[in-house]
């Protein structure tokens, strides 16, 4: 049984992607051709403390994509291209509502 919240979120996802998303192409393992999709790209700053007591500021690029638009879930080592740059997917984190947060590393 699907919750009301899940139904509302699924109905809102296309509007979120058309408003805030941009074209992306995913190259997933086992797929011969790149998969066109829309994703919401951000590159947020985060503090990393390598146990030295001195925080270091780093930028973590990420893209959020709608899982139902993809034939398979991306995995570590797959690639995504957006804004003319190709990124390696280093982690894929489902948000529990249908979006996948892809943590990226610029290749």
PDB file of N, CA and C in Angstrom:
ATOM      1  N   UNK A   1       0.837  -1.177   0.000  1.00  0.00           N
ATOM      2  CA  UNK A   1       0.000   0.000   0.000  1.00  0.00           C
ATOM      3  C   UNK A   1       0.885   1.245   0.000  1.00  0.00           C
ATOM      4  N   UNK A   2       0.570   2.185  -0.851  1.00  0.00           N
ATOM      5  CA  UNK A   2       1.343   3.413  -0.978  1.00  0.00           C
ATOM      6  C   UNK A   2       0.766   4.480  -0.059  1.00  0.00           C
ATOM      7  N   UNK A   3       1.646   5.216   0.619  1.00  0.00           N
ATOM      8  CA  UNK A   3       1.184   6.283   1.509  1.00  0.00           C
ATOM      9  C   UNK A   3       0.744   7.493   0.697  1.00  0.00           C
ATOM     10  N   UNK A   4      -0.079   8.307   1.304  1.00  0.00           N
ATOM     11  CA  UNK A   4      -0.542   9.537   0.650  1.00  0.00           C
ATOM     12  C   UNK A   4       0.648  10.431   0.347  1.00  0.00           C
ATOM     13  N   UNK A   5       1.604  10.496   1.282  1.00  0.00           N
ATOM     14  CA  UNK A   5       2.787  11.325   1.073  1.00  0.00           C
ATOM     15  C   UNK A   5       3.564  10.853  -0.160  1.00  0.00           C
ATOM     16  N   UNK A   6       3.732   9.558  -0.311  1.00  0.00           N
ATOM     17  CA  UNK A   6       4.453   9.013  -1.467  1.00  0.00           C
ATOM     18  C   UNK A   6       3.742   9.365  -2.763  1.00  0.00           C
ATOM     19  N   UNK A   7       2.422   9.303  -2.761  1.00  0.00           N
ATOM     20  CA  UNK A   7       1.651   9.657  -3.956  1.00  0.00           C
ATOM     21  C   UNK A   7       1.805  11.134  -4.301  1.00  0.00           C
ATOM     22  N   UNK A   8       1.747  11.990  -3.286  1.00  0.00           N
ATOM     23  CA  UNK A   8       1.910  13.431  -3.511  1.00  0.00           C
ATOM     24  C   UNK A   8       3.313  13.727  -4.024  1.00  0.00           C
ATOM     25  N   UNK A   9       4.324  13.104  -3.419  1.00  0.00           N
ATOM     26  CA  UNK A   9       5.707  13.325  -3.827  1.00  0.00           C
ATOM     27  C   UNK A   9       5.927  12.864  -5.265  1.00  0.00           C
ATOM     28  N   UNK A  10       5.362  11.712  -5.629  1.00  0.00           N
ATOM     29  CA  UNK A  10       5.495  11.199  -6.994  1.00  0.00           C
ATOM     30  C   UNK A  10       4.834  12.141  -7.991  1.00  0.00           C
ATOM     31  N   UNK A  11       3.720  12.741  -7.605  1.00  0.00           N
ATOM     32  CA  UNK A  11       3.049  13.698  -8.493  1.00  0.00           C
ATOM     33  C   UNK A  11       3.849  14.994  -8.626  1.00  0.00           C
ATOM     34  N   UNK A  12       4.570  15.372  -7.571  1.00  0.00           N
ATOM     35  CA  UNK A  12       5.337  16.615  -7.587  1.00  0.00           C
ATOM     36  C   UNK A  12       6.688  16.473  -8.288  1.00  0.00           C
ATOM     37  N   UNK A  13       7.234  15.267  -8.350  1.00  0.00           N
ATOM     38  CA  UNK A  13       8.579  15.062  -8.901  1.00  0.00           C
ATOM     39  C   UNK A  13       8.755  15.621 -10.308  1.00  0.00           C
ATOM     40  N   UNK A  14       7.833  15.377 -11.256  1.00  0.00           N
ATOM     41  CA  UNK A  14       8.035  15.951 -12.592  1.00  0.00           C
ATOM     42  C   UNK A  14       8.101  17.477 -12.584  1.00  0.00           C
ATOM     43  N   UNK A  15       7.338  18.109 -11.706  1.00  0.00           N
ATOM     44  CA  UNK A  15       7.360  19.575 -11.611  1.00  0.00           C
ATOM     45  C   UNK A  15       8.678  20.064 -11.007  1.00  0.00           C
ATOM     46  N   UNK A  16       9.180  19.352 -10.011  1.00  0.00           N
ATOM     47  CA  UNK A  16      10.479  19.708  -9.428  1.00  0.00           C
ATOM     48  C   UNK A  16      11.580  19.609 -10.481  1.00  0.00           C
ATOM     49  N   UNK A  17      11.562  18.515 -11.242  1.00  0.00           N
ATOM     50  CA  UNK A  17      12.602  18.306 -12.254  1.00  0.00           C
ATOM     51  C   UNK A  17      12.490  19.291 -13.406  1.00  0.00           C
ATOM     52  N   UNK A  18      11.271  19.635 -13.814  1.00  0.00           N
ATOM     53  CA  UNK A  18      11.138  20.586 -14.922  1.00  0.00           C
ATOM     54  C   UNK A  18      11.516  21.999 -14.488  1.00  0.00           C
ATOM     55  N   UNK A  19      11.333  22.310 -13.199  1.00  0.00           N
ATOM     56  CA  UNK A  19      11.666  23.646 -12.689  1.00  0.00           C
ATOM     57  C   UNK A  19      13.142  23.778 -12.321  1.00  0.00           C
ATOM     58  N   UNK A  20      13.654  22.826 -11.569  1.00  0.00           N
ATOM     59  CA  UNK A  20      15.015  22.932 -11.041  1.00  0.00           C
ATOM     60  C   UNK A  20      16.020  22.025 -11.743  1.00  0.00           C
ATOM     61  N   UNK A  21      15.538  21.067 -12.514  1.00  0.00           N
ATOM     62  CA  UNK A  21      16.421  20.098 -13.155  1.00  0.00           C
ATOM     63  C   UNK A  21      17.026  20.612 -14.440  1.00  0.00           C
ATOM     64  N   UNK A  22      17.990  19.861 -14.918  1.00  0.00           N
ATOM     65  CA  UNK A  22      18.647  20.147 -16.183  1.00  0.00           C
ATOM     66  C   UNK A  22      18.969  18.818 -16.853  1.00  0.00           C
ATOM     67  N   UNK A  23      19.210  18.831 -18.159  1.00  0.00           N
ATOM     68  CA  UNK A  23      19.501  17.568 -18.856  1.00  0.00           C
ATOM     69  C   UNK A  23      20.803  16.937 -18.364  1.00  0.00           C
ATOM     70  N   UNK A  24      20.757  15.634 -18.148  1.00  0.00           N
ATOM     71  CA  UNK A  24      21.940  14.860 -17.788  1.00  0.00           C
ATOM     72  C   UNK A  24      21.943  13.588 -18.619  1.00  0.00           C
ATOM     73  N   UNK A  25      23.088  12.963 -18.730  1.00  0.00           N
ATOM     74  CA  UNK A  25      23.202  11.655 -19.363  1.00  0.00           C
ATOM     75  C   UNK A  25      23.950  10.743 -18.415  1.00  0.00           C
ATOM     76  N   UNK A  26      23.367   9.580 -18.151  1.00  0.00           N
ATOM     77  CA  UNK A  26      23.994   8.599 -17.275  1.00  0.00           C
ATOM     78  C   UNK A  26      24.518   7.448 -18.100  1.00  0.00           C
ATOM     79  N   UNK A  27      25.729   7.036 -17.816  1.00  0.00           N
ATOM     80  CA  UNK A  27      26.305   5.838 -18.436  1.00  0.00           C
ATOM     81  C   UNK A  27      26.389   4.783 -17.345  1.00  0.00           C
ATOM     82  N   UNK A  28      25.422   3.855 -17.381  1.00  0.00           N
ATOM     83  CA  UNK A  28      25.340   2.823 -16.357  1.00  0.00           C
ATOM     84  C   UNK A  28      25.964   1.536 -16.854  1.00  0.00           C
ATOM     85  N   UNK A  29      26.569   0.796 -15.946  1.00  0.00           N
ATOM     86  CA  UNK A  29      27.161  -0.489 -16.291  1.00  0.00           C
ATOM     87  C   UNK A  29      26.074  -1.395 -16.868  1.00  0.00           C
ATOM     88  N   UNK A  30      26.399  -2.040 -17.978  1.00  0.00           N
ATOM     89  CA  UNK A  30      25.457  -2.951 -18.616  1.00  0.00           C
ATOM     90  C   UNK A  30      24.525  -2.294 -19.619  1.00  0.00           C
ATOM     91  N   UNK A  31      24.569  -0.970 -19.721  1.00  0.00           N
ATOM     92  CA  UNK A  31      23.738  -0.245 -20.680  1.00  0.00           C
ATOM     93  C   UNK A  31      24.638   0.222 -21.821  1.00  0.00           C
ATOM     94  N   UNK A  32      24.292  -0.152 -23.045  1.00  0.00           N
ATOM     95  CA  UNK A  32      25.129   0.172 -24.198  1.00  0.00           C
ATOM     96  C   UNK A  32      25.133   1.669 -24.507  1.00  0.00           C
ATOM     97  N   UNK A  33      24.002   2.311 -24.346  1.00  0.00           N
ATOM     98  CA  UNK A  33      23.860   3.727 -24.697  1.00  0.00           C
ATOM     99  C   UNK A  33      23.668   4.578 -23.441  1.00  0.00           C
ATOM    100  N   UNK A  34      24.116   5.832 -23.482  1.00  0.00           N
ATOM    101  CA  UNK A  34      23.843   6.737 -22.361  1.00  0.00           C
ATOM    102  C   UNK A  34      22.332   6.923 -22.189  1.00  0.00           C
ATOM    103  N   UNK A  35      21.909   7.128 -20.967  1.00  0.00           N
ATOM    104  CA  UNK A  35      20.498   7.299 -20.648  1.00  0.00           C
ATOM    105  C   UNK A  35      20.233   8.774 -20.391  1.00  0.00           C
ATOM    106  N   UNK A  36      19.394   9.400 -21.221  1.00  0.00           N
ATOM    107  CA  UNK A  36      19.057  10.799 -20.957  1.00  0.00           C
ATOM    108  C   UNK A  36      18.063  10.899 -19.802  1.00  0.00           C
ATOM    109  N   UNK A  37      18.238  11.890 -18.968  1.00  0.00           N
ATOM    110  CA  UNK A  37      17.347  12.111 -17.834  1.00  0.00           C
ATOM    111  C   UNK A  37      17.431  13.586 -17.454  1.00  0.00           C
ATOM    112  N   UNK A  38      16.739  13.940 -16.396  1.00  0.00           N
ATOM    113  CA  UNK A  38      16.867  15.278 -15.817  1.00  0.00           C
ATOM    114  C   UNK A  38      17.357  15.103 -14.391  1.00  0.00           C
ATOM    115  N   UNK A  39      18.220  16.011 -13.961  1.00  0.00           N
ATOM    116  CA  UNK A  39      18.763  15.945 -12.617  1.00  0.00           C
ATOM    117  C   UNK A  39      18.922  17.332 -12.027  1.00  0.00           C
ATOM    118  N   UNK A  40      18.935  17.392 -10.726  1.00  0.00           N
ATOM    119  CA  UNK A  40      19.141  18.643 -10.001  1.00  0.00           C
ATOM    120  C   UNK A  40      20.571  18.602  -9.475  1.00  0.00           C
ATOM    121  N   UNK A  41      21.403  19.496 -10.003  1.00  0.00           N
ATOM    122  CA  UNK A  41      22.830  19.511  -9.679  1.00  0.00           C
ATOM    123  C   UNK A  41      23.117  20.555  -8.613  1.00  0.00           C
ATOM    124  N   UNK A  42      23.922  20.185  -7.635  1.00  0.00           N
ATOM    125  CA  UNK A  42      24.411  21.129  -6.637  1.00  0.00           C
ATOM    126  C   UNK A  42      25.865  20.782  -6.321  1.00  0.00           C
ATOM    127  N   UNK A  43      26.585  21.775  -5.858  1.00  0.00           N
ATOM    128  CA  UNK A  43      27.968  21.570  -5.408  1.00  0.00           C
ATOM    129  C   UNK A  43      28.092  22.320  -4.097  1.00  0.00           C
ATOM    130  N   UNK A  44      27.723  21.661  -3.017  1.00  0.00           N
ATOM    131  CA  UNK A  44      27.682  22.334  -1.723  1.00  0.00           C
ATOM    132  C   UNK A  44      29.015  22.205  -0.999  1.00  0.00           C
ATOM    133  N   UNK A  45      29.271  23.196  -0.170  1.00  0.00           N
ATOM    134  CA  UNK A  45      30.468  23.161   0.673  1.00  0.00           C
ATOM    135  C   UNK A  45      30.166  22.328   1.900  1.00  0.00           C
ATOM    136  N   UNK A  46      31.136  21.593   2.335  1.00  0.00           N
ATOM    137  CA  UNK A  46      31.016  20.839   3.579  1.00  0.00           C
ATOM    138  C   UNK A  46      32.358  20.863   4.275  1.00  0.00           C
ATOM    139  N   UNK A  47      32.296  20.776   5.589  1.00  0.00           N
ATOM    140  CA  UNK A  47      33.538  20.735   6.365  1.00  0.00           C
ATOM    141  C   UNK A  47      33.954  19.297   6.573  1.00  0.00           C
ATOM    142  N   UNK A  48      35.204  19.044   6.315  1.00  0.00           N
ATOM    143  CA  UNK A  48      35.783  17.724   6.511  1.00  0.00           C
ATOM    144  C   UNK A  48      36.840  17.857   7.596  1.00  0.00           C
ATOM    145  N   UNK A  49      36.769  17.015   8.617  1.00  0.00           N
ATOM    146  CA  UNK A  49      37.754  17.049   9.685  1.00  0.00           C
ATOM    147  C   UNK A  49      38.499  15.715   9.673  1.00  0.00           C
ATOM    148  N   UNK A  50      39.705  15.711   9.135  1.00  0.00           N
ATOM    149  CA  UNK A  50      40.471  14.464   9.072  1.00  0.00           C
ATOM    150  C   UNK A  50      41.106  14.094  10.413  1.00  0.00           C
ATOM    151  N   UNK A  51      40.328  14.238  11.486  1.00  0.00           N
ATOM    152  CA  UNK A  51      40.756  13.892  12.839  1.00  0.00           C
ATOM    153  C   UNK A  51      41.964  14.693  13.312  1.00  0.00           C
ATOM    154  N   UNK A  52      42.150  15.856  12.703  1.00  0.00           N
ATOM    155  CA  UNK A  52      43.276  16.684  13.101  1.00  0.00           C
ATOM    156  C   UNK A  52      42.835  17.845  13.976  1.00  0.00           C
ATOM    157  N   UNK A  53      41.525  18.033  14.084  1.00  0.00           N
ATOM    158  CA  UNK A  53      41.028  19.175  14.828  1.00  0.00           C
ATOM    159  C   UNK A  53      40.962  20.433  13.993  1.00  0.00           C
ATOM    160  N   UNK A  54      41.416  20.360  12.751  1.00  0.00           N
ATOM    161  CA  UNK A  54      41.402  21.501  11.843  1.00  0.00           C
ATOM    162  C   UNK A  54      40.427  21.209  10.708  1.00  0.00           C
ATOM    163  N   UNK A  55      39.243  21.803  10.729  1.00  0.00           N
ATOM    164  CA  UNK A  55      38.296  21.543   9.649  1.00  0.00           C
ATOM    165  C   UNK A  55      38.793  22.099   8.318  1.00  0.00           C
ATOM    166  N   UNK A  56      38.527  21.357   7.281  1.00  0.00           N
ATOM    167  CA  UNK A  56      38.896  21.745   5.925  1.00  0.00           C
ATOM    168  C   UNK A  56      37.621  21.855   5.118  1.00  0.00           C
ATOM    169  N   UNK A  57      37.469  22.915   4.368  1.00  0.00           N
ATOM    170  CA  UNK A  57      36.286  23.095   3.539  1.00  0.00           C
ATOM    171  C   UNK A  57      36.494  22.390   2.207  1.00  0.00           C
ATOM    172  N   UNK A  58      35.503  21.624   1.809  1.00  0.00           N
ATOM    173  CA  UNK A  58      35.562  20.906   0.538  1.00  0.00           C
ATOM    174  C   UNK A  58      34.236  21.103  -0.193  1.00  0.00           C
ATOM    175  N   UNK A  59      34.250  20.924  -1.494  1.00  0.00           N
ATOM    176  CA  UNK A  59      33.035  21.004  -2.296  1.00  0.00           C
ATOM    177  C   UNK A  59      32.646  19.590  -2.700  1.00  0.00           C
ATOM    178  N   UNK A  60      31.374  19.236  -2.477  1.00  0.00           N
ATOM    179  CA  UNK A  60      30.869  17.917  -2.841  1.00  0.00           C
ATOM    180  C   UNK A  60      29.813  18.072  -3.923  1.00  0.00           C
ATOM    181  N   UNK A  61      30.205  17.850  -5.197  1.00  0.00           N
ATOM    182  CA  UNK A  61      29.187  17.911  -6.241  1.00  0.00           C
ATOM    183  C   UNK A  61      28.234  16.718  -6.117  1.00  0.00           C
ATOM    184  N   UNK A  62      26.945  16.981  -6.375  1.00  0.00           N
ATOM    185  CA  UNK A  62      25.970  15.898  -6.353  1.00  0.00           C
ATOM    186  C   UNK A  62      24.850  16.212  -7.329  1.00  0.00           C
ATOM    187  N   UNK A  63      24.191  15.166  -7.764  1.00  0.00           N
ATOM    188  CA  UNK A  63      23.028  15.298  -8.633  1.00  0.00           C
ATOM    189  C   UNK A  63      21.935  14.422  -8.061  1.00  0.00           C
ATOM    190  N   UNK A  64      20.716  14.922  -8.124  1.00  0.00           N
ATOM    191  CA  UNK A  64      19.572  14.130  -7.699  1.00  0.00           C
ATOM    192  C   UNK A  64      18.737  13.811  -8.927  1.00  0.00           C
ATOM    193  N   UNK A  65      18.439  12.539  -9.103  1.00  0.00           N
ATOM    194  CA  UNK A  65      17.658  12.067 -10.250  1.00  0.00           C
ATOM    195  C   UNK A  65      16.465  11.268  -9.740  1.00  0.00           C
ATOM    196  N   UNK A  66      15.428  11.173 -10.557  1.00  0.00           N
ATOM    197  CA  UNK A  66      14.207  10.454 -10.211  1.00  0.00           C
ATOM    198  C   UNK A  66      14.387   8.991 -10.602  1.00  0.00           C
ATOM    199  N   UNK A  67      14.433   8.106  -9.620  1.00  0.00           N
ATOM    200  CA  UNK A  67      14.712   6.682  -9.845  1.00  0.00           C
ATOM    201  C   UNK A  67      13.783   6.031 -10.874  1.00  0.00           C
ATOM    202  N   UNK A  68      12.472   6.308 -10.871  1.00  0.00           N
ATOM    203  CA  UNK A  68      11.595   5.658 -11.853  1.00  0.00           C
ATOM    204  C   UNK A  68      11.930   5.998 -13.314  1.00  0.00           C
ATOM    205  N   UNK A  69      12.712   7.064 -13.547  1.00  0.00           N
ATOM    206  CA  UNK A  69      13.112   7.421 -14.917  1.00  0.00           C
ATOM    207  C   UNK A  69      14.260   6.567 -15.435  1.00  0.00           C
ATOM    208  N   UNK A  70      14.889   5.772 -14.572  1.00  0.00           N
ATOM    209  CA  UNK A  70      16.087   5.020 -14.947  1.00  0.00           C
ATOM    210  C   UNK A  70      15.782   3.525 -15.042  1.00  0.00           C
ATOM    211  N   UNK A  71      16.445   2.814 -15.965  1.00  0.00           N
ATOM    212  CA  UNK A  71      16.223   1.376 -16.083  1.00  0.00           C
ATOM    213  C   UNK A  71      16.870   0.573 -14.945  1.00  0.00           C
ATOM    214  N   UNK A  72      17.856   1.167 -14.266  1.00  0.00           N
ATOM    215  CA  UNK A  72      18.546   0.508 -13.155  1.00  0.00           C
ATOM    216  C   UNK A  72      19.106   1.591 -12.245  1.00  0.00           C
ATOM    217  N   UNK A  73      19.364   1.230 -11.005  1.00  0.00           N
ATOM    218  CA  UNK A  73      19.946   2.188 -10.070  1.00  0.00           C
ATOM    219  C   UNK A  73      21.430   2.339 -10.361  1.00  0.00           C
ATOM    220  N   UNK A  74      21.926   3.583 -10.443  1.00  0.00           N
ATOM    221  CA  UNK A  74      23.367   3.779 -10.631  1.00  0.00           C
ATOM    222  C   UNK A  74      24.150   3.179  -9.471  1.00  0.00           C
ATOM    223  N   UNK A  75      25.364   2.760  -9.770  1.00  0.00           N
ATOM    224  CA  UNK A  75      26.240   2.207  -8.749  1.00  0.00           C
ATOM    225  C   UNK A  75      27.588   2.917  -8.812  1.00  0.00           C
ATOM    226  N   UNK A  76      28.400   2.694  -7.811  1.00  0.00           N
ATOM    227  CA  UNK A  76      29.734   3.284  -7.767  1.00  0.00           C
ATOM    228  C   UNK A  76      30.499   2.895  -9.029  1.00  0.00           C
ATOM    229  N   UNK A  77      31.083   3.890  -9.683  1.00  0.00           N
ATOM    230  CA  UNK A  77      31.842   3.651 -10.906  1.00  0.00           C
ATOM    231  C   UNK A  77      31.084   4.016 -12.174  1.00  0.00           C
ATOM    232  N   UNK A  78      29.746   4.147 -12.092  1.00  0.00           N
ATOM    233  CA  UNK A  78      28.993   4.637 -13.247  1.00  0.00           C
ATOM    234  C   UNK A  78      29.333   6.109 -13.445  1.00  0.00           C
ATOM    235  N   UNK A  79      28.879   6.673 -14.567  1.00  0.00           N
ATOM    236  CA  UNK A  79      29.204   8.064 -14.856  1.00  0.00           C
ATOM    237  C   UNK A  79      27.950   8.860 -15.185  1.00  0.00           C
ATOM    238  N   UNK A  80      28.034  10.170 -14.947  1.00  0.00           N
ATOM    239  CA  UNK A  80      26.977  11.096 -15.314  1.00  0.00           C
ATOM    240  C   UNK A  80      27.635  12.299 -15.967  1.00  0.00           C
ATOM    241  N   UNK A  81      27.035  12.774 -17.052  1.00  0.00           N
ATOM    242  CA  UNK A  81      27.534  13.967 -17.740  1.00  0.00           C
ATOM    243  C   UNK A  81      26.491  15.065 -17.633  1.00  0.00           C
ATOM    244  N   UNK A  82      26.958  16.251 -17.241  1.00  0.00           N
ATOM    245  CA  UNK A  82      26.079  17.414 -17.189  1.00  0.00           C
ATOM    246  C   UNK A  82      26.918  18.672 -17.268  1.00  0.00           C
ATOM    247  N   UNK A  83      26.346  19.706 -17.829  1.00  0.00           N
ATOM    248  CA  UNK A  83      27.037  20.991 -17.984  1.00  0.00           C
ATOM    249  C   UNK A  83      28.384  20.833 -18.673  1.00  0.00           C
ATOM    250  N   UNK A  84      28.497  19.858 -19.584  1.00  0.00           N
ATOM    251  CA  UNK A  84      29.721  19.664 -20.335  1.00  0.00           C
ATOM    252  C   UNK A  84      30.838  18.967 -19.575  1.00  0.00           C
ATOM    253  N   UNK A  85      30.536  18.435 -18.406  1.00  0.00           N
ATOM    254  CA  UNK A  85      31.536  17.765 -17.573  1.00  0.00           C
ATOM    255  C   UNK A  85      31.062  16.352 -17.252  1.00  0.00           C
ATOM    256  N   UNK A  86      31.991  15.416 -17.252  1.00  0.00           N
ATOM    257  CA  UNK A  86      31.683  14.040 -16.865  1.00  0.00           C
ATOM    258  C   UNK A  86      32.156  13.809 -15.441  1.00  0.00           C
ATOM    259  N   UNK A  87      31.285  13.218 -14.636  1.00  0.00           N
ATOM    260  CA  UNK A  87      31.579  12.917 -13.240  1.00  0.00           C
ATOM    261  C   UNK A  87      31.481  11.410 -13.008  1.00  0.00           C
ATOM    262  N   UNK A  88      32.300  10.920 -12.115  1.00  0.00           N
ATOM    263  CA  UNK A  88      32.234   9.544 -11.661  1.00  0.00           C
ATOM    264  C   UNK A  88      31.268   9.497 -10.478  1.00  0.00           C
ATOM    265  N   UNK A  89      30.363   8.541 -10.476  1.00  0.00           N
ATOM    266  CA  UNK A  89      29.446   8.374  -9.349  1.00  0.00           C
ATOM    267  C   UNK A  89      30.187   7.589  -8.268  1.00  0.00           C
ATOM    268  N   UNK A  90      30.347   8.210  -7.095  1.00  0.00           N
ATOM    269  CA  UNK A  90      31.072   7.551  -6.005  1.00  0.00           C
ATOM    270  C   UNK A  90      30.132   6.974  -4.954  1.00  0.00           C
ATOM    271  N   UNK A  91      28.872   7.409  -4.969  1.00  0.00           N
ATOM    272  CA  UNK A  91      27.882   6.842  -4.049  1.00  0.00           C
ATOM    273  C   UNK A  91      26.498   7.182  -4.566  1.00  0.00           C
ATOM    274  N   UNK A  92      25.562   6.283  -4.349  1.00  0.00           N
ATOM    275  CA  UNK A  92      24.160   6.478  -4.720  1.00  0.00           C
ATOM    276  C   UNK A  92      23.330   6.269  -3.475  1.00  0.00           C
ATOM    277  N   UNK A  93      22.609   7.328  -3.056  1.00  0.00           N
ATOM    278  CA  UNK A  93      21.848   7.284  -1.820  1.00  0.00           C
ATOM    279  C   UNK A  93      20.366   7.514  -2.105  1.00  0.00           C
ATOM    280  N   UNK A  94      19.547   6.465  -2.063  1.00  0.00           N
ATOM    281  CA  UNK A  94      18.101   6.656  -2.213  1.00  0.00           C
ATOM    282  C   UNK A  94      17.563   7.491  -1.048  1.00  0.00           C
ATOM    283  N   UNK A  95      16.641   8.412  -1.351  1.00  0.00           N
ATOM    284  CA  UNK A  95      16.112   9.260  -0.280  1.00  0.00           C
ATOM    285  C   UNK A  95      14.846   8.695   0.355  1.00  0.00           C
ATOM    286  N   UNK A  96      14.370   7.554  -0.139  1.00  0.00           N
ATOM    287  CA  UNK A  96      13.182   6.942   0.424  1.00  0.00           C
ATOM    288  C   UNK A  96      11.888   7.441  -0.178  1.00  0.00           C
ATOM    289  N   UNK A  97      11.976   8.423  -1.095  1.00  0.00           N
ATOM    290  CA  UNK A  97      10.777   8.985  -1.721  1.00  0.00           C
ATOM    291  C   UNK A  97      10.836   8.912  -3.236  1.00  0.00           C
ATOM    292  N   UNK A  98      11.853   8.261  -3.782  1.00  0.00           N
ATOM    293  CA  UNK A  98      11.938   8.105  -5.235  1.00  0.00           C
ATOM    294  C   UNK A  98      13.126   8.792  -5.874  1.00  0.00           C
ATOM    295  N   UNK A  99      13.725   9.747  -5.187  1.00  0.00           N
ATOM    296  CA  UNK A  99      14.906  10.393  -5.739  1.00  0.00           C
ATOM    297  C   UNK A  99      16.156   9.633  -5.306  1.00  0.00           C
ATOM    298  N   UNK A 100      17.181   9.710  -6.138  1.00  0.00           N
ATOM    299  CA  UNK A 100      18.491   9.156  -5.827  1.00  0.00           C
ATOM    300  C   UNK A 100      19.486  10.305  -5.754  1.00  0.00           C
ATOM    301  N   UNK A 101      20.192  10.402  -4.646  1.00  0.00           N
ATOM    302  CA  UNK A 101      21.252  11.411  -4.510  1.00  0.00           C
ATOM    303  C   UNK A 101      22.553  10.751  -4.944  1.00  0.00           C
ATOM    304  N   UNK A 102      23.148  11.291  -6.007  1.00  0.00           N
ATOM    305  CA  UNK A 102      24.384  10.748  -6.540  1.00  0.00           C
ATOM    306  C   UNK A 102      25.541  11.656  -6.107  1.00  0.00           C
ATOM    307  N   UNK A 103      26.431  11.124  -5.295  1.00  0.00           N
ATOM    308  CA  UNK A 103      27.633  11.868  -4.913  1.00  0.00           C
ATOM    309  C   UNK A 103      28.663  11.673  -6.013  1.00  0.00           C
ATOM    310  N   UNK A 104      29.275  12.762  -6.447  1.00  0.00           N
ATOM    311  CA  UNK A 104      30.076  12.767  -7.662  1.00  0.00           C
ATOM    312  C   UNK A 104      31.516  13.163  -7.406  1.00  0.00           C
ATOM    313  N   UNK A 105      32.370  12.725  -8.331  1.00  0.00           N
ATOM    314  CA  UNK A 105      33.774  13.129  -8.353  1.00  0.00           C
ATOM    315  C   UNK A 105      34.101  13.502  -9.792  1.00  0.00           C
ATOM    316  N   UNK A 106      34.629  14.688  -9.986  1.00  0.00           N
ATOM    317  CA  UNK A 106      34.960  15.154 -11.331  1.00  0.00           C
ATOM    318  C   UNK A 106      36.095  14.319 -11.907  1.00  0.00           C
ATOM    319  N   UNK A 107      35.903  13.831 -13.137  1.00  0.00           N
ATOM    320  CA  UNK A 107      36.947  13.005 -13.771  1.00  0.00           C
ATOM    321  C   UNK A 107      37.933  13.847 -14.532  1.00  0.00           C
TER     322      UNK A 107
END
